[in-house]
Amino acid sequence: MDKKPPRCAALKQPFGAFFIEARGQEVIVPALWGQDTFIEKARGSEVLGQMWAFDDKKGRPCCLIPEATALFQERVTDLLGKKNEATYFYVARCYRYERPQAGRYREFTQLGFEILTRQPEIGLEMSQDLCVGFLDSLGLEYEIDIAAKRGLTYYLQGEGFEIRCPELGAQKQVVGGGAYREGAGFGIGLDRLYLALQAQGKLT
């Protein structure tokens, strides 16, 4: 079993109001999905080797979702419709098959925001500003890299942005995001965010 920190009550209230104010619509993300989505959207990515993958009773290849952005990319036609832009946020349980360690768990919680748009470069700037604004509202101290090489291959040019907290040591990345063909967005690891706020004495 993962040795995880307790849920942080201080994080439960701020994000909903913050992202709703940013015109985000909450989406419930399923934990179980078809493998094909991630094979298509993240091919060549290390995430494929970390999936909890299996066949269902009808022999269909399924998995516990390792991340959520690929789901939004796949459903962009339905989610965007005739609009030029649509924004969504979610809190999802995600799963990676790897050796558990502090700040890196097999089961983890991801807070994400996706801007589906026909102009991904604009969406990238918006998502970066929104992410920074949210972390600032929590009083978090961090470093940002706006030209990070991302492990997920669907990001344009394989680049995006990352936000890190050195207090976490080897697992210091708290946020990862970037632009993709269908838009832009970011994911925040709530478990790591909790540990970072704790390490910086921001929790009461």
C-alpha atoms as a PDB file:
ATOM      1  CA  MET A   1       0.000   0.000   0.000  1.00  0.00           C
ATOM      2  CA  ASP A   2       1.113   3.555  -0.676  1.00  0.00           C
ATOM      3  CA  LYS A   3       2.074   5.551   2.398  1.00  0.00           C
ATOM      4  CA  LYS A   4       0.257   8.751   1.555  1.00  0.00           C
ATOM      5  CA  PRO A   5      -0.201  11.993   3.485  1.00  0.00           C
ATOM      6  CA  PRO A   6      -3.658  12.683   4.947  1.00  0.00           C
ATOM      7  CA  ARG A   7      -6.076  14.647   2.821  1.00  0.00           C
ATOM      8  CA  CYS A   8      -5.489  18.360   3.180  1.00  0.00           C
ATOM      9  CA  ALA A   9      -8.708  20.084   4.217  1.00  0.00           C
ATOM     10  CA  ALA A  10      -7.124  23.411   3.310  1.00  0.00           C
ATOM     11  CA  LEU A  11      -7.088  22.386  -0.366  1.00  0.00           C
ATOM     12  CA  LYS A  12     -10.693  21.245  -0.625  1.00  0.00           C
ATOM     13  CA  GLN A  13     -12.356  24.649  -0.613  1.00  0.00           C
ATOM     14  CA  PRO A  14     -10.174  27.013  -2.716  1.00  0.00           C
ATOM     15  CA  PHE A  15      -9.887  25.249  -6.062  1.00  0.00           C
ATOM     16  CA  GLY A  16     -13.578  24.821  -6.888  1.00  0.00           C
ATOM     17  CA  ALA A  17     -14.428  28.492  -6.449  1.00  0.00           C
ATOM     18  CA  PHE A  18     -11.185  29.581  -8.105  1.00  0.00           C
ATOM     19  CA  PHE A  19     -11.703  27.579 -11.298  1.00  0.00           C
ATOM     20  CA  ILE A  20     -15.429  28.291 -11.499  1.00  0.00           C
ATOM     21  CA  GLU A  21     -14.607  31.989 -11.329  1.00  0.00           C
ATOM     22  CA  ALA A  22     -12.258  31.357 -14.269  1.00  0.00           C
ATOM     23  CA  ARG A  23     -15.302  30.082 -16.216  1.00  0.00           C
ATOM     24  CA  GLY A  24     -14.352  26.442 -15.804  1.00  0.00           C
ATOM     25  CA  GLN A  25     -17.048  23.792 -15.891  1.00  0.00           C
ATOM     26  CA  GLU A  26     -16.470  20.814 -13.615  1.00  0.00           C
ATOM     27  CA  VAL A  27     -16.249  17.415 -15.272  1.00  0.00           C
ATOM     28  CA  ILE A  28     -16.335  14.010 -13.578  1.00  0.00           C
ATOM     29  CA  VAL A  29     -13.506  11.948 -15.049  1.00  0.00           C
ATOM     30  CA  PRO A  30     -13.891   8.131 -15.092  1.00  0.00           C
ATOM     31  CA  ALA A  31     -11.162   6.014 -13.521  1.00  0.00           C
ATOM     32  CA  LEU A  32     -11.550   3.202 -16.065  1.00  0.00           C
ATOM     33  CA  TRP A  33     -11.014   3.774 -19.804  1.00  0.00           C
ATOM     34  CA  GLY A  34      -9.914   2.050 -22.983  1.00  0.00           C
ATOM     35  CA  GLN A  35      -6.207   1.581 -23.571  1.00  0.00           C
ATOM     36  CA  ASP A  36      -6.476   2.784 -27.179  1.00  0.00           C
ATOM     37  CA  THR A  37      -6.938   6.406 -26.099  1.00  0.00           C
ATOM     38  CA  PHE A  38      -3.588   6.541 -24.360  1.00  0.00           C
ATOM     39  CA  ILE A  39      -1.791   4.468 -26.970  1.00  0.00           C
ATOM     40  CA  GLU A  40      -2.949   6.920 -29.643  1.00  0.00           C
ATOM     41  CA  LYS A  41      -2.440  10.157 -27.720  1.00  0.00           C
ATOM     42  CA  ALA A  42       0.688   9.272 -25.746  1.00  0.00           C
ATOM     43  CA  ARG A  43       2.497   6.835 -28.030  1.00  0.00           C
ATOM     44  CA  GLY A  44       6.218   6.859 -27.406  1.00  0.00           C
ATOM     45  CA  SER A  45       5.609   8.144 -23.886  1.00  0.00           C
ATOM     46  CA  GLU A  46       6.828   6.481 -20.703  1.00  0.00           C
ATOM     47  CA  VAL A  47       3.268   6.617 -19.398  1.00  0.00           C
ATOM     48  CA  LEU A  48       2.336   3.596 -21.533  1.00  0.00           C
ATOM     49  CA  GLY A  49       4.764   1.397 -19.624  1.00  0.00           C
ATOM     50  CA  GLN A  50       3.260   2.582 -16.332  1.00  0.00           C
ATOM     51  CA  MET A  51      -0.399   1.832 -17.040  1.00  0.00           C
ATOM     52  CA  TRP A  52      -2.462  -0.594 -15.022  1.00  0.00           C
ATOM     53  CA  ALA A  53      -3.665  -2.409 -18.155  1.00  0.00           C
ATOM     54  CA  PHE A  54      -5.924  -5.448 -18.497  1.00  0.00           C
ATOM     55  CA  ASP A  55      -8.752  -6.900 -20.576  1.00  0.00           C
ATOM     56  CA  ASP A  56     -12.362  -6.732 -19.452  1.00  0.00           C
ATOM     57  CA  LYS A  57     -14.728  -9.736 -19.478  1.00  0.00           C
ATOM     58  CA  LYS A  58     -15.348  -9.252 -23.201  1.00  0.00           C
ATOM     59  CA  GLY A  59     -11.638  -9.130 -23.986  1.00  0.00           C
ATOM     60  CA  ARG A  60     -11.545  -5.377 -24.590  1.00  0.00           C
ATOM     61  CA  PRO A  61      -8.254  -3.712 -23.559  1.00  0.00           C
ATOM     62  CA  CYS A  62      -8.873  -1.363 -20.610  1.00  0.00           C
ATOM     63  CA  CYS A  63      -6.785   0.536 -18.085  1.00  0.00           C
ATOM     64  CA  LEU A  64      -6.972   2.682 -14.987  1.00  0.00           C
ATOM     65  CA  ILE A  65      -6.338   6.176 -16.291  1.00  0.00           C
ATOM     66  CA  PRO A  66      -2.706   7.337 -15.872  1.00  0.00           C
ATOM     67  CA  GLU A  67      -3.682  10.975 -16.607  1.00  0.00           C
ATOM     68  CA  ALA A  68      -6.753  12.831 -17.895  1.00  0.00           C
ATOM     69  CA  THR A  69      -5.751  15.225 -20.688  1.00  0.00           C
ATOM     70  CA  ALA A  70      -5.903  12.489 -23.334  1.00  0.00           C
ATOM     71  CA  LEU A  71      -9.602  12.003 -22.533  1.00  0.00           C
ATOM     72  CA  PHE A  72     -10.343  15.661 -23.266  1.00  0.00           C
ATOM     73  CA  GLN A  73      -8.384  15.475 -26.502  1.00  0.00           C
ATOM     74  CA  GLU A  74     -10.352  12.449 -27.632  1.00  0.00           C
ATOM     75  CA  ARG A  75     -13.726  14.044 -26.826  1.00  0.00           C
ATOM     76  CA  VAL A  76     -12.882  17.533 -28.089  1.00  0.00           C
ATOM     77  CA  THR A  77     -15.556  17.503 -30.813  1.00  0.00           C
ATOM     78  CA  ASP A  78     -18.307  16.827 -28.280  1.00  0.00           C
ATOM     79  CA  LEU A  79     -16.911  19.126 -25.588  1.00  0.00           C
ATOM     80  CA  LEU A  80     -16.148  22.058 -27.881  1.00  0.00           C
ATOM     81  CA  GLY A  81     -19.099  21.748 -30.240  1.00  0.00           C
ATOM     82  CA  LYS A  82     -19.567  24.883 -32.327  1.00  0.00           C
ATOM     83  CA  LYS A  83     -17.817  27.089 -29.782  1.00  0.00           C
ATOM     84  CA  ASN A  84     -14.345  28.508 -30.372  1.00  0.00           C
ATOM     85  CA  GLU A  85     -13.356  27.838 -26.777  1.00  0.00           C
ATOM     86  CA  ALA A  86     -14.504  25.788 -23.792  1.00  0.00           C
ATOM     87  CA  THR A  87     -12.903  25.412 -20.362  1.00  0.00           C
ATOM     88  CA  TYR A  88     -13.157  22.505 -17.931  1.00  0.00           C
ATOM     89  CA  PHE A  89     -11.658  21.494 -14.600  1.00  0.00           C
ATOM     90  CA  TYR A  90     -11.620  18.162 -12.804  1.00  0.00           C
ATOM     91  CA  VAL A  91     -10.328  16.298  -9.789  1.00  0.00           C
ATOM     92  CA  ALA A  92      -9.433  12.745 -10.783  1.00  0.00           C
ATOM     93  CA  ARG A  93      -7.896   9.668  -9.241  1.00  0.00           C
ATOM     94  CA  CYS A  94      -5.054   8.537 -11.514  1.00  0.00           C
ATOM     95  CA  TYR A  95      -2.874   5.436 -11.447  1.00  0.00           C
ATOM     96  CA  ARG A  96       0.708   4.630 -12.415  1.00  0.00           C
ATOM     97  CA  TYR A  97       2.386   1.241 -12.073  1.00  0.00           C
ATOM     98  CA  GLU A  98       5.722   2.153 -10.523  1.00  0.00           C
ATOM     99  CA  ARG A  99       7.655   1.867  -7.291  1.00  0.00           C
ATOM    100  CA  PRO A 100       5.957   4.045  -4.648  1.00  0.00           C
ATOM    101  CA  GLN A 101       8.111   6.671  -2.968  1.00  0.00           C
ATOM    102  CA  ALA A 102       7.563   9.950  -1.170  1.00  0.00           C
ATOM    103  CA  GLY A 103       5.525  12.218  -3.426  1.00  0.00           C
ATOM    104  CA  ARG A 104       5.178   9.562  -6.157  1.00  0.00           C
ATOM    105  CA  TYR A 105       2.370   7.115  -5.589  1.00  0.00           C
ATOM    106  CA  ARG A 106       0.698   4.380  -7.606  1.00  0.00           C
ATOM    107  CA  GLU A 107      -2.647   6.018  -6.892  1.00  0.00           C
ATOM    108  CA  PHE A 108      -2.703   9.805  -6.805  1.00  0.00           C
ATOM    109  CA  THR A 109      -5.091  12.726  -7.108  1.00  0.00           C
ATOM    110  CA  GLN A 110      -4.779  15.171  -9.983  1.00  0.00           C
ATOM    111  CA  LEU A 111      -6.435  18.569 -10.225  1.00  0.00           C
ATOM    112  CA  GLY A 112      -6.559  19.677 -13.845  1.00  0.00           C
ATOM    113  CA  PHE A 113      -7.760  22.507 -16.023  1.00  0.00           C
ATOM    114  CA  GLU A 114      -8.202  22.184 -19.783  1.00  0.00           C
ATOM    115  CA  ILE A 115      -8.822  24.991 -22.274  1.00  0.00           C
ATOM    116  CA  LEU A 116     -10.137  23.506 -25.500  1.00  0.00           C
ATOM    117  CA  THR A 117      -9.588  26.054 -28.220  1.00  0.00           C
ATOM    118  CA  ARG A 118      -8.855  26.412 -31.887  1.00  0.00           C
ATOM    119  CA  GLN A 119      -5.860  28.601 -30.913  1.00  0.00           C
ATOM    120  CA  PRO A 120      -3.668  26.486 -28.596  1.00  0.00           C
ATOM    121  CA  GLU A 121      -0.962  29.148 -28.291  1.00  0.00           C
ATOM    122  CA  ILE A 122      -3.490  31.483 -26.665  1.00  0.00           C
ATOM    123  CA  GLY A 123      -4.725  28.663 -24.474  1.00  0.00           C
ATOM    124  CA  LEU A 124      -1.180  28.010 -23.262  1.00  0.00           C
ATOM    125  CA  GLU A 125      -0.741  31.573 -22.012  1.00  0.00           C
ATOM    126  CA  MET A 126      -4.139  31.477 -20.345  1.00  0.00           C
ATOM    127  CA  SER A 127      -3.456  28.159 -18.623  1.00  0.00           C
ATOM    128  CA  GLN A 128      -0.054  29.318 -17.345  1.00  0.00           C
ATOM    129  CA  ASP A 129      -1.556  32.517 -15.921  1.00  0.00           C
ATOM    130  CA  LEU A 130      -4.405  30.621 -14.300  1.00  0.00           C
ATOM    131  CA  CYS A 131      -2.104  28.027 -12.749  1.00  0.00           C
ATOM    132  CA  VAL A 132       0.249  30.663 -11.343  1.00  0.00           C
ATOM    133  CA  GLY A 133      -2.708  32.626  -9.972  1.00  0.00           C
ATOM    134  CA  PHE A 134      -4.043  29.552  -8.188  1.00  0.00           C
ATOM    135  CA  LEU A 135      -0.715  28.649  -6.587  1.00  0.00           C
ATOM    136  CA  ASP A 136      -0.156  32.267  -5.561  1.00  0.00           C
ATOM    137  CA  SER A 137      -3.573  32.267  -3.876  1.00  0.00           C
ATOM    138  CA  LEU A 138      -2.328  29.409  -1.681  1.00  0.00           C
ATOM    139  CA  GLY A 139       0.884  31.253  -0.826  1.00  0.00           C
ATOM    140  CA  LEU A 140       3.049  28.552  -2.406  1.00  0.00           C
ATOM    141  CA  GLU A 141       6.663  29.394  -3.215  1.00  0.00           C
ATOM    142  CA  TYR A 142       7.844  27.740  -6.421  1.00  0.00           C
ATOM    143  CA  GLU A 143      10.042  27.797  -9.513  1.00  0.00           C
ATOM    144  CA  ILE A 144       8.570  27.746 -13.023  1.00  0.00           C
ATOM    145  CA  ASP A 145      10.150  26.396 -16.197  1.00  0.00           C
ATOM    146  CA  ILE A 146       8.220  27.582 -19.263  1.00  0.00           C
ATOM    147  CA  ALA A 147      10.268  25.500 -21.729  1.00  0.00           C
ATOM    148  CA  ALA A 148      10.320  22.118 -20.043  1.00  0.00           C
ATOM    149  CA  LYS A 149      10.613  18.871 -21.972  1.00  0.00           C
ATOM    150  CA  ARG A 150       7.420  16.994 -21.186  1.00  0.00           C
ATOM    151  CA  GLY A 151       7.152  13.224 -20.863  1.00  0.00           C
ATOM    152  CA  LEU A 152       3.836  13.082 -22.730  1.00  0.00           C
ATOM    153  CA  THR A 153       4.287  13.107 -26.483  1.00  0.00           C
ATOM    154  CA  TYR A 154       1.052  14.901 -27.366  1.00  0.00           C
ATOM    155  CA  TYR A 155       2.450  18.263 -26.244  1.00  0.00           C
ATOM    156  CA  LEU A 156       3.443  20.438 -29.204  1.00  0.00           C
ATOM    157  CA  GLN A 157       7.177  20.101 -29.934  1.00  0.00           C
ATOM    158  CA  GLY A 158       7.298  17.893 -26.838  1.00  0.00           C
ATOM    159  CA  GLU A 159       7.520  20.993 -24.650  1.00  0.00           C
ATOM    160  CA  GLY A 160       5.385  22.612 -21.999  1.00  0.00           C
ATOM    161  CA  PHE A 161       5.781  24.140 -18.587  1.00  0.00           C
ATOM    162  CA  GLU A 162       6.521  22.734 -15.161  1.00  0.00           C
ATOM    163  CA  ILE A 163       6.289  24.178 -11.679  1.00  0.00           C
ATOM    164  CA  ARG A 164       8.604  22.779  -9.041  1.00  0.00           C
ATOM    165  CA  CYS A 165       9.154  23.110  -5.309  1.00  0.00           C
ATOM    166  CA  PRO A 166      12.779  22.311  -4.352  1.00  0.00           C
ATOM    167  CA  GLU A 167      11.717  21.369  -0.816  1.00  0.00           C
ATOM    168  CA  LEU A 168      10.341  18.102  -2.217  1.00  0.00           C
ATOM    169  CA  GLY A 169      13.727  16.828  -3.349  1.00  0.00           C
ATOM    170  CA  ALA A 170      13.787  14.385  -6.259  1.00  0.00           C
ATOM    171  CA  GLN A 171       9.980  14.510  -6.741  1.00  0.00           C
ATOM    172  CA  LYS A 172       9.818  18.309  -6.819  1.00  0.00           C
ATOM    173  CA  GLN A 173       7.497  18.740  -9.811  1.00  0.00           C
ATOM    174  CA  VAL A 174       4.065  19.870  -8.598  1.00  0.00           C
ATOM    175  CA  VAL A 175       2.528  20.988 -11.913  1.00  0.00           C
ATOM    176  CA  GLY A 176       2.943  19.950 -15.530  1.00  0.00           C
ATOM    177  CA  GLY A 177       1.176  21.427 -18.522  1.00  0.00           C
ATOM    178  CA  GLY A 178       1.442  22.684 -22.052  1.00  0.00           C
ATOM    179  CA  ALA A 179      -0.250  23.187 -25.400  1.00  0.00           C
ATOM    180  CA  TYR A 180      -1.516  20.337 -27.555  1.00  0.00           C
ATOM    181  CA  ARG A 181      -3.293  20.302 -30.895  1.00  0.00           C
ATOM    182  CA  GLU A 182      -6.755  20.619 -29.367  1.00  0.00           C
ATOM    183  CA  GLY A 183      -5.936  23.239 -26.745  1.00  0.00           C
ATOM    184  CA  ALA A 184      -3.841  23.621 -23.606  1.00  0.00           C
ATOM    185  CA  GLY A 185      -3.989  22.814 -19.935  1.00  0.00           C
ATOM    186  CA  PHE A 186      -2.215  21.663 -16.809  1.00  0.00           C
ATOM    187  CA  GLY A 187      -2.387  19.068 -14.069  1.00  0.00           C
ATOM    188  CA  ILE A 188      -1.543  19.639 -10.408  1.00  0.00           C
ATOM    189  CA  GLY A 189      -0.554  16.698  -8.230  1.00  0.00           C
ATOM    190  CA  LEU A 190      -2.578  17.379  -5.091  1.00  0.00           C
ATOM    191  CA  ASP A 191      -0.530  14.945  -3.019  1.00  0.00           C
ATOM    192  CA  ARG A 192       2.692  16.764  -3.902  1.00  0.00           C
ATOM    193  CA  LEU A 193       1.034  20.148  -3.489  1.00  0.00           C
ATOM    194  CA  TYR A 194       0.042  19.166   0.031  1.00  0.00           C
ATOM    195  CA  LEU A 195       3.595  18.036   0.816  1.00  0.00           C
ATOM    196  CA  ALA A 196       5.024  21.280  -0.604  1.00  0.00           C
ATOM    197  CA  LEU A 197       2.661  23.468   1.426  1.00  0.00           C
ATOM    198  CA  GLN A 198       3.484  21.417   4.490  1.00  0.00           C
ATOM    199  CA  ALA A 199       7.249  21.731   3.907  1.00  0.00           C
ATOM    200  CA  GLN A 200       6.912  25.511   3.501  1.00  0.00           C
ATOM    201  CA  GLY A 201       4.838  25.861   6.680  1.00  0.00           C
ATOM    202  CA  LYS A 202       1.775  27.093   4.777  1.00  0.00           C
ATOM    203  CA  LEU A 203      -0.702  24.754   6.473  1.00  0.00           C
ATOM    204  CA  THR A 204      -2.404  25.556   9.737  1.00  0.00           C
END
